[in-house]
């Protein structure tokens, strides 16, 4: 599936998170959705801070998909990216804490939101 089509076919959780991230709504951070990075397509990426946010359904919890995700995350982190993974349920039921987690980790990395 290519990035352009994935942007049109976002899950409910991805669409909800996108409403919080788009247009620099989250502390002025610029995010792109379904962005190709290093041969993968990231759900959301903040290039300025090399941050990737993935929103996963239950099929990511075990088996081959879990192993693929672990390898993908390790590779992207080797390339200098920070990768967050959130469950669809977390995004749908507690978007505030999802966004706060993103902000707090960036603050720990020294990002100043003033």
PDB file of N, CA and C in Angstrom:
ATOM      1  N   UNK A   1       0.852  -1.177   0.000  1.00  0.00           N
ATOM      2  CA  UNK A   1       0.000   0.000   0.000  1.00  0.00           C
ATOM      3  C   UNK A   1       0.895   1.237   0.000  1.00  0.00           C
ATOM      4  N   UNK A   2       0.610   2.176  -0.844  1.00  0.00           N
ATOM      5  CA  UNK A   2       1.483   3.346  -0.900  1.00  0.00           C
ATOM      6  C   UNK A   2       0.992   4.448   0.038  1.00  0.00           C
ATOM      7  N   UNK A   3       1.889   5.421   0.297  1.00  0.00           N
ATOM      8  CA  UNK A   3       1.609   6.469   1.279  1.00  0.00           C
ATOM      9  C   UNK A   3       0.384   7.299   0.913  1.00  0.00           C
ATOM     10  N   UNK A   4       0.232   7.627  -0.358  1.00  0.00           N
ATOM     11  CA  UNK A   4      -0.894   8.460  -0.779  1.00  0.00           C
ATOM     12  C   UNK A   4      -2.220   7.767  -0.474  1.00  0.00           C
ATOM     13  N   UNK A   5      -2.313   6.490  -0.795  1.00  0.00           N
ATOM     14  CA  UNK A   5      -3.546   5.749  -0.533  1.00  0.00           C
ATOM     15  C   UNK A   5      -3.775   5.596   0.972  1.00  0.00           C
ATOM     16  N   UNK A   6      -2.686   5.401   1.720  1.00  0.00           N
ATOM     17  CA  UNK A   6      -2.812   5.253   3.166  1.00  0.00           C
ATOM     18  C   UNK A   6      -3.329   6.536   3.822  1.00  0.00           C
ATOM     19  N   UNK A   7      -2.978   7.690   3.246  1.00  0.00           N
ATOM     20  CA  UNK A   7      -3.486   8.956   3.781  1.00  0.00           C
ATOM     21  C   UNK A   7      -5.003   9.042   3.627  1.00  0.00           C
ATOM     22  N   UNK A   8      -5.528   8.459   2.557  1.00  0.00           N
ATOM     23  CA  UNK A   8      -6.974   8.472   2.325  1.00  0.00           C
ATOM     24  C   UNK A   8      -7.694   7.443   3.190  1.00  0.00           C
ATOM     25  N   UNK A   9      -7.015   6.358   3.525  1.00  0.00           N
ATOM     26  CA  UNK A   9      -7.646   5.237   4.221  1.00  0.00           C
ATOM     27  C   UNK A   9      -7.202   5.125   5.678  1.00  0.00           C
ATOM     28  N   UNK A  10      -7.117   6.243   6.378  1.00  0.00           N
ATOM     29  CA  UNK A  10      -6.694   6.211   7.778  1.00  0.00           C
ATOM     30  C   UNK A  10      -7.730   5.495   8.636  1.00  0.00           C
ATOM     31  N   UNK A  11      -7.241   4.826   9.676  1.00  0.00           N
ATOM     32  CA  UNK A  11      -8.141   4.214  10.649  1.00  0.00           C
ATOM     33  C   UNK A  11      -8.781   5.321  11.483  1.00  0.00           C
ATOM     34  N   UNK A  12      -9.807   4.979  12.254  1.00  0.00           N
ATOM     35  CA  UNK A  12     -10.441   5.966  13.132  1.00  0.00           C
ATOM     36  C   UNK A  12      -9.426   6.546  14.120  1.00  0.00           C
ATOM     37  N   UNK A  13      -8.571   5.686  14.660  1.00  0.00           N
ATOM     38  CA  UNK A  13      -7.570   6.155  15.625  1.00  0.00           C
ATOM     39  C   UNK A  13      -6.561   7.093  14.953  1.00  0.00           C
ATOM     40  N   UNK A  14      -6.115   6.739  13.756  1.00  0.00           N
ATOM     41  CA  UNK A  14      -5.180   7.612  13.041  1.00  0.00           C
ATOM     42  C   UNK A  14      -5.813   8.962  12.736  1.00  0.00           C
ATOM     43  N   UNK A  15      -7.081   8.946  12.321  1.00  0.00           N
ATOM     44  CA  UNK A  15      -7.776  10.198  12.013  1.00  0.00           C
ATOM     45  C   UNK A  15      -7.913  11.065  13.259  1.00  0.00           C
ATOM     46  N   UNK A  16      -8.194  10.439  14.390  1.00  0.00           N
ATOM     47  CA  UNK A  16      -8.339  11.195  15.636  1.00  0.00           C
ATOM     48  C   UNK A  16      -7.005  11.818  16.039  1.00  0.00           C
ATOM     49  N   UNK A  17      -5.934  11.052  15.966  1.00  0.00           N
ATOM     50  CA  UNK A  17      -4.618  11.608  16.321  1.00  0.00           C
ATOM     51  C   UNK A  17      -4.208  12.687  15.330  1.00  0.00           C
ATOM     52  N   UNK A  18      -4.500  12.504  14.061  1.00  0.00           N
ATOM     53  CA  UNK A  18      -4.156  13.499  13.055  1.00  0.00           C
ATOM     54  C   UNK A  18      -4.819  14.844  13.360  1.00  0.00           C
ATOM     55  N   UNK A  19      -6.030  14.820  13.887  1.00  0.00           N
ATOM     56  CA  UNK A  19      -6.710  16.063  14.252  1.00  0.00           C
ATOM     57  C   UNK A  19      -5.954  16.816  15.342  1.00  0.00           C
ATOM     58  N   UNK A  20      -5.225  16.097  16.173  1.00  0.00           N
ATOM     59  CA  UNK A  20      -4.428  16.730  17.231  1.00  0.00           C
ATOM     60  C   UNK A  20      -3.052  17.182  16.731  1.00  0.00           C
ATOM     61  N   UNK A  21      -2.529  16.501  15.717  1.00  0.00           N
ATOM     62  CA  UNK A  21      -1.164  16.773  15.246  1.00  0.00           C
ATOM     63  C   UNK A  21      -1.103  17.744  14.076  1.00  0.00           C
ATOM     64  N   UNK A  22      -2.130  17.771  13.250  1.00  0.00           N
ATOM     65  CA  UNK A  22      -2.073  18.542  12.003  1.00  0.00           C
ATOM     66  C   UNK A  22      -1.989  20.037  12.270  1.00  0.00           C
ATOM     67  N   UNK A  23      -1.453  20.736  11.305  1.00  0.00           N
ATOM     68  CA  UNK A  23      -1.386  22.206  11.331  1.00  0.00           C
ATOM     69  C   UNK A  23      -0.686  22.739  12.587  1.00  0.00           C
ATOM     70  N   UNK A  24       0.311  21.998  13.052  1.00  0.00           N
ATOM     71  CA  UNK A  24       1.135  22.435  14.203  1.00  0.00           C
ATOM     72  C   UNK A  24       0.306  22.623  15.473  1.00  0.00           C
ATOM     73  N   UNK A  25      -0.771  21.863  15.616  1.00  0.00           N
ATOM     74  CA  UNK A  25      -1.662  22.022  16.769  1.00  0.00           C
ATOM     75  C   UNK A  25      -1.053  21.540  18.074  1.00  0.00           C
ATOM     76  N   UNK A  26      -0.137  20.587  18.007  1.00  0.00           N
ATOM     77  CA  UNK A  26       0.467  20.048  19.227  1.00  0.00           C
ATOM     78  C   UNK A  26       1.763  20.797  19.510  1.00  0.00           C
ATOM     79  N   UNK A  27       1.676  21.807  20.344  1.00  0.00           N
ATOM     80  CA  UNK A  27       2.841  22.591  20.773  1.00  0.00           C
ATOM     81  C   UNK A  27       3.667  23.124  19.610  1.00  0.00           C
ATOM     82  N   UNK A  28       3.039  23.363  18.479  1.00  0.00           N
ATOM     83  CA  UNK A  28       3.748  23.936  17.333  1.00  0.00           C
ATOM     84  C   UNK A  28       4.582  22.947  16.540  1.00  0.00           C
ATOM     85  N   UNK A  29       4.490  21.661  16.883  1.00  0.00           N
ATOM     86  CA  UNK A  29       5.263  20.631  16.178  1.00  0.00           C
ATOM     87  C   UNK A  29       4.670  20.388  14.792  1.00  0.00           C
ATOM     88  N   UNK A  30       5.525  20.272  13.799  1.00  0.00           N
ATOM     89  CA  UNK A  30       5.078  19.986  12.446  1.00  0.00           C
ATOM     90  C   UNK A  30       5.136  18.499  12.160  1.00  0.00           C
ATOM     91  N   UNK A  31       3.996  17.912  11.920  1.00  0.00           N
ATOM     92  CA  UNK A  31       3.915  16.485  11.609  1.00  0.00           C
ATOM     93  C   UNK A  31       3.446  16.282  10.179  1.00  0.00           C
ATOM     94  N   UNK A  32       3.931  15.206   9.574  1.00  0.00           N
ATOM     95  CA  UNK A  32       3.432  14.740   8.284  1.00  0.00           C
ATOM     96  C   UNK A  32       2.833  13.366   8.515  1.00  0.00           C
ATOM     97  N   UNK A  33       1.805  13.023   7.743  1.00  0.00           N
ATOM     98  CA  UNK A  33       1.189  11.709   7.915  1.00  0.00           C
ATOM     99  C   UNK A  33       1.554  10.794   6.763  1.00  0.00           C
ATOM    100  N   UNK A  34       1.627   9.502   7.090  1.00  0.00           N
ATOM    101  CA  UNK A  34       1.965   8.457   6.122  1.00  0.00           C
ATOM    102  C   UNK A  34       3.191   8.871   5.307  1.00  0.00           C
ATOM    103  N   UNK A  35       4.248   9.150   6.014  1.00  0.00           N
ATOM    104  CA  UNK A  35       5.479   9.663   5.396  1.00  0.00           C
ATOM    105  C   UNK A  35       6.482   8.536   5.147  1.00  0.00           C
ATOM    106  N   UNK A  36       6.955   8.395   3.905  1.00  0.00           N
ATOM    107  CA  UNK A  36       8.006   7.403   3.632  1.00  0.00           C
ATOM    108  C   UNK A  36       9.313   7.807   4.311  1.00  0.00           C
ATOM    109  N   UNK A  37       9.898   6.869   5.063  1.00  0.00           N
ATOM    110  CA  UNK A  37      11.172   7.088   5.748  1.00  0.00           C
ATOM    111  C   UNK A  37      11.984   5.805   5.653  1.00  0.00           C
ATOM    112  N   UNK A  38      13.149   5.892   5.055  1.00  0.00           N
ATOM    113  CA  UNK A  38      14.083   4.760   5.039  1.00  0.00           C
ATOM    114  C   UNK A  38      13.431   3.467   4.539  1.00  0.00           C
ATOM    115  N   UNK A  39      12.564   3.551   3.548  1.00  0.00           N
ATOM    116  CA  UNK A  39      11.930   2.362   2.994  1.00  0.00           C
ATOM    117  C   UNK A  39      10.677   1.905   3.722  1.00  0.00           C
ATOM    118  N   UNK A  40      10.269   2.622   4.751  1.00  0.00           N
ATOM    119  CA  UNK A  40       9.054   2.318   5.498  1.00  0.00           C
ATOM    120  C   UNK A  40       8.100   3.503   5.376  1.00  0.00           C
ATOM    121  N   UNK A  41       6.846   3.293   5.743  1.00  0.00           N
ATOM    122  CA  UNK A  41       5.891   4.400   5.777  1.00  0.00           C
ATOM    123  C   UNK A  41       5.484   4.595   7.233  1.00  0.00           C
ATOM    124  N   UNK A  42       5.849   5.750   7.788  1.00  0.00           N
ATOM    125  CA  UNK A  42       5.505   6.077   9.169  1.00  0.00           C
ATOM    126  C   UNK A  42       4.100   6.665   9.213  1.00  0.00           C
ATOM    127  N   UNK A  43       3.313   6.273  10.206  1.00  0.00           N
ATOM    128  CA  UNK A  43       1.968   6.841  10.343  1.00  0.00           C
ATOM    129  C   UNK A  43       2.057   8.359  10.446  1.00  0.00           C
ATOM    130  N   UNK A  44       2.903   8.851  11.366  1.00  0.00           N
ATOM    131  CA  UNK A  44       3.098  10.287  11.555  1.00  0.00           C
ATOM    132  C   UNK A  44       4.570  10.538  11.846  1.00  0.00           C
ATOM    133  N   UNK A  45       5.106  11.615  11.284  1.00  0.00           N
ATOM    134  CA  UNK A  45       6.515  11.920  11.511  1.00  0.00           C
ATOM    135  C   UNK A  45       6.712  13.415  11.697  1.00  0.00           C
ATOM    136  N   UNK A  46       7.514  13.751  12.684  1.00  0.00           N
ATOM    137  CA  UNK A  46       7.959  15.121  12.912  1.00  0.00           C
ATOM    138  C   UNK A  46       9.437  15.134  12.524  1.00  0.00           C
ATOM    139  N   UNK A  47       9.702  15.624  11.321  1.00  0.00           N
ATOM    140  CA  UNK A  47      11.054  15.573  10.770  1.00  0.00           C
ATOM    141  C   UNK A  47      12.021  16.404  11.610  1.00  0.00           C
ATOM    142  N   UNK A  48      11.585  17.568  12.052  1.00  0.00           N
ATOM    143  CA  UNK A  48      12.457  18.473  12.809  1.00  0.00           C
ATOM    144  C   UNK A  48      13.088  17.794  14.020  1.00  0.00           C
ATOM    145  N   UNK A  49      12.326  16.927  14.694  1.00  0.00           N
ATOM    146  CA  UNK A  49      12.818  16.264  15.903  1.00  0.00           C
ATOM    147  C   UNK A  49      13.054  14.768  15.700  1.00  0.00           C
ATOM    148  N   UNK A  50      12.997  14.318  14.441  1.00  0.00           N
ATOM    149  CA  UNK A  50      13.201  12.901  14.094  1.00  0.00           C
ATOM    150  C   UNK A  50      12.345  11.991  14.980  1.00  0.00           C
ATOM    151  N   UNK A  51      11.050  12.286  14.983  1.00  0.00           N
ATOM    152  CA  UNK A  51      10.086  11.578  15.805  1.00  0.00           C
ATOM    153  C   UNK A  51       9.050  10.898  14.919  1.00  0.00           C
ATOM    154  N   UNK A  52       8.821   9.618  15.171  1.00  0.00           N
ATOM    155  CA  UNK A  52       7.800   8.846  14.456  1.00  0.00           C
ATOM    156  C   UNK A  52       6.762   8.395  15.466  1.00  0.00           C
ATOM    157  N   UNK A  53       5.486   8.553  15.122  1.00  0.00           N
ATOM    158  CA  UNK A  53       4.386   8.076  15.960  1.00  0.00           C
ATOM    159  C   UNK A  53       3.595   7.063  15.151  1.00  0.00           C
ATOM    160  N   UNK A  54       3.497   5.851  15.685  1.00  0.00           N
ATOM    161  CA  UNK A  54       2.747   4.772  15.055  1.00  0.00           C
ATOM    162  C   UNK A  54       1.505   4.484  15.882  1.00  0.00           C
ATOM    163  N   UNK A  55       0.403   4.220  15.202  1.00  0.00           N
ATOM    164  CA  UNK A  55      -0.855   3.851  15.849  1.00  0.00           C
ATOM    165  C   UNK A  55      -1.193   2.443  15.379  1.00  0.00           C
ATOM    166  N   UNK A  56      -1.211   1.507  16.321  1.00  0.00           N
ATOM    167  CA  UNK A  56      -1.318   0.093  15.976  1.00  0.00           C
ATOM    168  C   UNK A  56      -2.607  -0.551  16.462  1.00  0.00           C
ATOM    169  N   UNK A  57      -3.122  -1.450  15.633  1.00  0.00           N
ATOM    170  CA  UNK A  57      -4.254  -2.291  16.002  1.00  0.00           C
ATOM    171  C   UNK A  57      -3.764  -3.588  16.608  1.00  0.00           C
ATOM    172  N   UNK A  58      -4.677  -4.438  16.998  1.00  0.00           N
ATOM    173  CA  UNK A  58      -4.332  -5.678  17.711  1.00  0.00           C
ATOM    174  C   UNK A  58      -3.477  -6.636  16.888  1.00  0.00           C
ATOM    175  N   UNK A  59      -3.542  -6.546  15.558  1.00  0.00           N
ATOM    176  CA  UNK A  59      -2.736  -7.462  14.736  1.00  0.00           C
ATOM    177  C   UNK A  59      -1.240  -7.187  14.877  1.00  0.00           C
ATOM    178  N   UNK A  60      -0.861  -6.088  15.530  1.00  0.00           N
ATOM    179  CA  UNK A  60       0.548  -5.777  15.764  1.00  0.00           C
ATOM    180  C   UNK A  60       1.070  -6.387  17.071  1.00  0.00           C
ATOM    181  N   UNK A  61       0.200  -7.050  17.819  1.00  0.00           N
ATOM    182  CA  UNK A  61       0.553  -7.519  19.156  1.00  0.00           C
ATOM    183  C   UNK A  61       1.332  -8.828  19.182  1.00  0.00           C
ATOM    184  N   UNK A  62       1.298  -9.596  18.112  1.00  0.00           N
ATOM    185  CA  UNK A  62       1.953 -10.908  18.151  1.00  0.00           C
ATOM    186  C   UNK A  62       2.312 -11.372  16.750  1.00  0.00           C
ATOM    187  N   UNK A  63       3.041 -12.466  16.709  1.00  0.00           N
ATOM    188  CA  UNK A  63       3.350 -13.117  15.445  1.00  0.00           C
ATOM    189  C   UNK A  63       4.307 -12.345  14.556  1.00  0.00           C
ATOM    190  N   UNK A  64       4.176 -12.599  13.254  1.00  0.00           N
ATOM    191  CA  UNK A  64       5.086 -12.005  12.276  1.00  0.00           C
ATOM    192  C   UNK A  64       5.025 -10.487  12.257  1.00  0.00           C
ATOM    193  N   UNK A  65       3.826  -9.914  12.442  1.00  0.00           N
ATOM    194  CA  UNK A  65       3.710  -8.453  12.423  1.00  0.00           C
ATOM    195  C   UNK A  65       4.469  -7.834  13.589  1.00  0.00           C
ATOM    196  N   UNK A  66       4.396  -8.460  14.766  1.00  0.00           N
ATOM    197  CA  UNK A  66       5.124  -7.974  15.931  1.00  0.00           C
ATOM    198  C   UNK A  66       6.634  -8.015  15.675  1.00  0.00           C
ATOM    199  N   UNK A  67       7.108  -9.105  15.123  1.00  0.00           N
ATOM    200  CA  UNK A  67       8.537  -9.251  14.826  1.00  0.00           C
ATOM    201  C   UNK A  67       8.970  -8.213  13.791  1.00  0.00           C
ATOM    202  N   UNK A  68       8.161  -8.027  12.751  1.00  0.00           N
ATOM    203  CA  UNK A  68       8.449  -7.016  11.724  1.00  0.00           C
ATOM    204  C   UNK A  68       8.521  -5.619  12.351  1.00  0.00           C
ATOM    205  N   UNK A  69       7.570  -5.296  13.223  1.00  0.00           N
ATOM    206  CA  UNK A  69       7.547  -3.983  13.871  1.00  0.00           C
ATOM    207  C   UNK A  69       8.787  -3.769  14.738  1.00  0.00           C
ATOM    208  N   UNK A  70       9.205  -4.807  15.456  1.00  0.00           N
ATOM    209  CA  UNK A  70      10.394  -4.694  16.304  1.00  0.00           C
ATOM    210  C   UNK A  70      11.647  -4.418  15.460  1.00  0.00           C
ATOM    211  N   UNK A  71      11.793  -5.138  14.359  1.00  0.00           N
ATOM    212  CA  UNK A  71      12.941  -4.923  13.474  1.00  0.00           C
ATOM    213  C   UNK A  71      12.895  -3.531  12.849  1.00  0.00           C
ATOM    214  N   UNK A  72      11.720  -3.126  12.428  1.00  0.00           N
ATOM    215  CA  UNK A  72      11.529  -1.808  11.816  1.00  0.00           C
ATOM    216  C   UNK A  72      11.889  -0.701  12.804  1.00  0.00           C
ATOM    217  N   UNK A  73      11.385  -0.816  14.026  1.00  0.00           N
ATOM    218  CA  UNK A  73      11.675   0.186  15.057  1.00  0.00           C
ATOM    219  C   UNK A  73      13.174   0.233  15.345  1.00  0.00           C
ATOM    220  N   UNK A  74      13.791  -0.913  15.491  1.00  0.00           N
ATOM    221  CA  UNK A  74      15.237  -0.950  15.766  1.00  0.00           C
ATOM    222  C   UNK A  74      16.017  -0.280  14.638  1.00  0.00           C
ATOM    223  N   UNK A  75      15.661  -0.567  13.399  1.00  0.00           N
ATOM    224  CA  UNK A  75      16.348   0.039  12.261  1.00  0.00           C
ATOM    225  C   UNK A  75      16.178   1.557  12.258  1.00  0.00           C
ATOM    226  N   UNK A  76      14.942   2.023  12.437  1.00  0.00           N
ATOM    227  CA  UNK A  76      14.686   3.467  12.416  1.00  0.00           C
ATOM    228  C   UNK A  76      15.399   4.172  13.569  1.00  0.00           C
ATOM    229  N   UNK A  77      15.448   3.535  14.731  1.00  0.00           N
ATOM    230  CA  UNK A  77      16.170   4.121  15.859  1.00  0.00           C
ATOM    231  C   UNK A  77      17.674   4.172  15.584  1.00  0.00           C
ATOM    232  N   UNK A  78      18.206   3.168  14.891  1.00  0.00           N
ATOM    233  CA  UNK A  78      19.622   3.210  14.484  1.00  0.00           C
ATOM    234  C   UNK A  78      19.895   4.392  13.556  1.00  0.00           C
ATOM    235  N   UNK A  79      18.868   4.814  12.811  1.00  0.00           N
ATOM    236  CA  UNK A  79      19.004   5.944  11.891  1.00  0.00           C
ATOM    237  C   UNK A  79      18.773   7.280  12.600  1.00  0.00           C
ATOM    238  N   UNK A  80      18.555   7.235  13.918  1.00  0.00           N
ATOM    239  CA  UNK A  80      18.411   8.458  14.700  1.00  0.00           C
ATOM    240  C   UNK A  80      16.985   8.890  14.989  1.00  0.00           C
ATOM    241  N   UNK A  81      16.011   8.087  14.614  1.00  0.00           N
ATOM    242  CA  UNK A  81      14.612   8.421  14.866  1.00  0.00           C
ATOM    243  C   UNK A  81      14.186   7.898  16.239  1.00  0.00           C
ATOM    244  N   UNK A  82      13.287   8.610  16.889  1.00  0.00           N
ATOM    245  CA  UNK A  82      12.604   8.123  18.085  1.00  0.00           C
ATOM    246  C   UNK A  82      11.248   7.628  17.619  1.00  0.00           C
ATOM    247  N   UNK A  83      10.883   6.412  18.019  1.00  0.00           N
ATOM    248  CA  UNK A  83       9.632   5.805  17.560  1.00  0.00           C
ATOM    249  C   UNK A  83       8.712   5.570  18.755  1.00  0.00           C
ATOM    250  N   UNK A  84       7.509   6.140  18.688  1.00  0.00           N
ATOM    251  CA  UNK A  84       6.455   5.898  19.671  1.00  0.00           C
ATOM    252  C   UNK A  84       5.434   4.978  19.037  1.00  0.00           C
ATOM    253  N   UNK A  85       4.923   4.051  19.832  1.00  0.00           N
ATOM    254  CA  UNK A  85       3.829   3.195  19.375  1.00  0.00           C
ATOM    255  C   UNK A  85       2.697   3.303  20.376  1.00  0.00           C
ATOM    256  N   UNK A  86       1.517   3.578  19.868  1.00  0.00           N
ATOM    257  CA  UNK A  86       0.316   3.637  20.696  1.00  0.00           C
ATOM    258  C   UNK A  86      -0.712   2.676  20.115  1.00  0.00           C
ATOM    259  N   UNK A  87      -1.498   2.076  20.989  1.00  0.00           N
ATOM    260  CA  UNK A  87      -2.589   1.212  20.549  1.00  0.00           C
ATOM    261  C   UNK A  87      -3.753   2.073  20.096  1.00  0.00           C
ATOM    262  N   UNK A  88      -4.491   1.587  19.106  1.00  0.00           N
ATOM    263  CA  UNK A  88      -5.692   2.271  18.646  1.00  0.00           C
ATOM    264  C   UNK A  88      -6.583   2.663  19.822  1.00  0.00           C
ATOM    265  N   UNK A  89      -6.784   1.726  20.735  1.00  0.00           N
ATOM    266  CA  UNK A  89      -7.652   1.950  21.892  1.00  0.00           C
ATOM    267  C   UNK A  89      -7.186   3.143  22.732  1.00  0.00           C
ATOM    268  N   UNK A  90      -5.878   3.254  22.942  1.00  0.00           N
ATOM    269  CA  UNK A  90      -5.341   4.366  23.727  1.00  0.00           C
ATOM    270  C   UNK A  90      -5.652   5.701  23.055  1.00  0.00           C
ATOM    271  N   UNK A  91      -5.477   5.758  21.746  1.00  0.00           N
ATOM    272  CA  UNK A  91      -5.745   6.986  21.003  1.00  0.00           C
ATOM    273  C   UNK A  91      -7.231   7.315  21.055  1.00  0.00           C
ATOM    274  N   UNK A  92      -8.066   6.319  20.855  1.00  0.00           N
ATOM    275  CA  UNK A  92      -9.512   6.555  20.810  1.00  0.00           C
ATOM    276  C   UNK A  92     -10.093   6.924  22.172  1.00  0.00           C
ATOM    277  N   UNK A  93      -9.546   6.350  23.248  1.00  0.00           N
ATOM    278  CA  UNK A  93     -10.129   6.552  24.573  1.00  0.00           C
ATOM    279  C   UNK A  93      -9.407   7.589  25.423  1.00  0.00           C
ATOM    280  N   UNK A  94      -8.135   7.900  25.096  1.00  0.00           N
ATOM    281  CA  UNK A  94      -7.372   8.804  25.962  1.00  0.00           C
ATOM    282  C   UNK A  94      -6.373   9.632  25.154  1.00  0.00           C
ATOM    283  N   UNK A  95      -6.869  10.353  24.175  1.00  0.00           N
ATOM    284  CA  UNK A  95      -6.020  11.149  23.285  1.00  0.00           C
ATOM    285  C   UNK A  95      -5.190  12.174  24.054  1.00  0.00           C
ATOM    286  N   UNK A  96      -5.732  12.703  25.137  1.00  0.00           N
ATOM    287  CA  UNK A  96      -5.007  13.708  25.922  1.00  0.00           C
ATOM    288  C   UNK A  96      -3.697  13.141  26.462  1.00  0.00           C
ATOM    289  N   UNK A  97      -3.737  11.951  27.031  1.00  0.00           N
ATOM    290  CA  UNK A  97      -2.514  11.345  27.569  1.00  0.00           C
ATOM    291  C   UNK A  97      -1.546  10.926  26.469  1.00  0.00           C
ATOM    292  N   UNK A  98      -2.063  10.518  25.327  1.00  0.00           N
ATOM    293  CA  UNK A  98      -1.191  10.192  24.188  1.00  0.00           C
ATOM    294  C   UNK A  98      -0.398  11.433  23.791  1.00  0.00           C
ATOM    295  N   UNK A  99      -1.096  12.544  23.632  1.00  0.00           N
ATOM    296  CA  UNK A  99      -0.421  13.794  23.246  1.00  0.00           C
ATOM    297  C   UNK A  99       0.536  14.261  24.334  1.00  0.00           C
ATOM    298  N   UNK A 100       0.132  14.146  25.597  1.00  0.00           N
ATOM    299  CA  UNK A 100       0.999  14.553  26.702  1.00  0.00           C
ATOM    300  C   UNK A 100       2.262  13.701  26.749  1.00  0.00           C
ATOM    301  N   UNK A 101       2.133  12.428  26.446  1.00  0.00           N
ATOM    302  CA  UNK A 101       3.307  11.549  26.433  1.00  0.00           C
ATOM    303  C   UNK A 101       4.307  12.009  25.359  1.00  0.00           C
ATOM    304  N   UNK A 102       3.811  12.328  24.192  1.00  0.00           N
ATOM    305  CA  UNK A 102       4.683  12.812  23.115  1.00  0.00           C
ATOM    306  C   UNK A 102       5.418  14.070  23.569  1.00  0.00           C
ATOM    307  N   UNK A 103       4.688  15.008  24.152  1.00  0.00           N
ATOM    308  CA  UNK A 103       5.280  16.265  24.609  1.00  0.00           C
ATOM    309  C   UNK A 103       6.308  16.014  25.701  1.00  0.00           C
ATOM    310  N   UNK A 104       5.973  15.193  26.689  1.00  0.00           N
ATOM    311  CA  UNK A 104       6.884  14.992  27.817  1.00  0.00           C
ATOM    312  C   UNK A 104       8.177  14.297  27.398  1.00  0.00           C
ATOM    313  N   UNK A 105       8.097  13.350  26.473  1.00  0.00           N
ATOM    314  CA  UNK A 105       9.323  12.696  26.012  1.00  0.00           C
ATOM    315  C   UNK A 105      10.205  13.686  25.248  1.00  0.00           C
ATOM    316  N   UNK A 106       9.600  14.526  24.427  1.00  0.00           N
ATOM    317  CA  UNK A 106      10.380  15.544  23.721  1.00  0.00           C
ATOM    318  C   UNK A 106      11.005  16.539  24.688  1.00  0.00           C
ATOM    319  N   UNK A 107      10.282  16.896  25.736  1.00  0.00           N
ATOM    320  CA  UNK A 107      10.850  17.785  26.758  1.00  0.00           C
ATOM    321  C   UNK A 107      12.048  17.123  27.431  1.00  0.00           C
ATOM    322  N   UNK A 108      11.954  15.829  27.711  1.00  0.00           N
ATOM    323  CA  UNK A 108      13.078  15.094  28.298  1.00  0.00           C
ATOM    324  C   UNK A 108      14.285  15.092  27.368  1.00  0.00           C
ATOM    325  N   UNK A 109      14.030  15.160  26.069  1.00  0.00           N
ATOM    326  CA  UNK A 109      15.113  15.209  25.089  1.00  0.00           C
ATOM    327  C   UNK A 109      15.637  16.626  24.873  1.00  0.00           C
ATOM    328  N   UNK A 110      15.076  17.580  25.611  1.00  0.00           N
ATOM    329  CA  UNK A 110      15.575  18.945  25.543  1.00  0.00           C
ATOM    330  C   UNK A 110      14.831  19.886  24.622  1.00  0.00           C
ATOM    331  N   UNK A 111      13.692  19.473  24.070  1.00  0.00           N
ATOM    332  CA  UNK A 111      12.909  20.358  23.196  1.00  0.00           C
ATOM    333  C   UNK A 111      12.213  21.387  24.075  1.00  0.00           C
ATOM    334  N   UNK A 112      12.340  22.654  23.714  1.00  0.00           N
ATOM    335  CA  UNK A 112      11.726  23.748  24.464  1.00  0.00           C
ATOM    336  C   UNK A 112      10.510  24.238  23.691  1.00  0.00           C
ATOM    337  N   UNK A 113       9.347  24.203  24.316  1.00  0.00           N
ATOM    338  CA  UNK A 113       8.092  24.573  23.646  1.00  0.00           C
ATOM    339  C   UNK A 113       7.665  26.000  23.905  1.00  0.00           C
ATOM    340  N   UNK A 114       8.544  26.846  24.385  1.00  0.00           N
ATOM    341  CA  UNK A 114       8.164  28.238  24.690  1.00  0.00           C
ATOM    342  C   UNK A 114       7.981  29.056  23.444  1.00  0.00           C
TER     343      UNK A 114
END
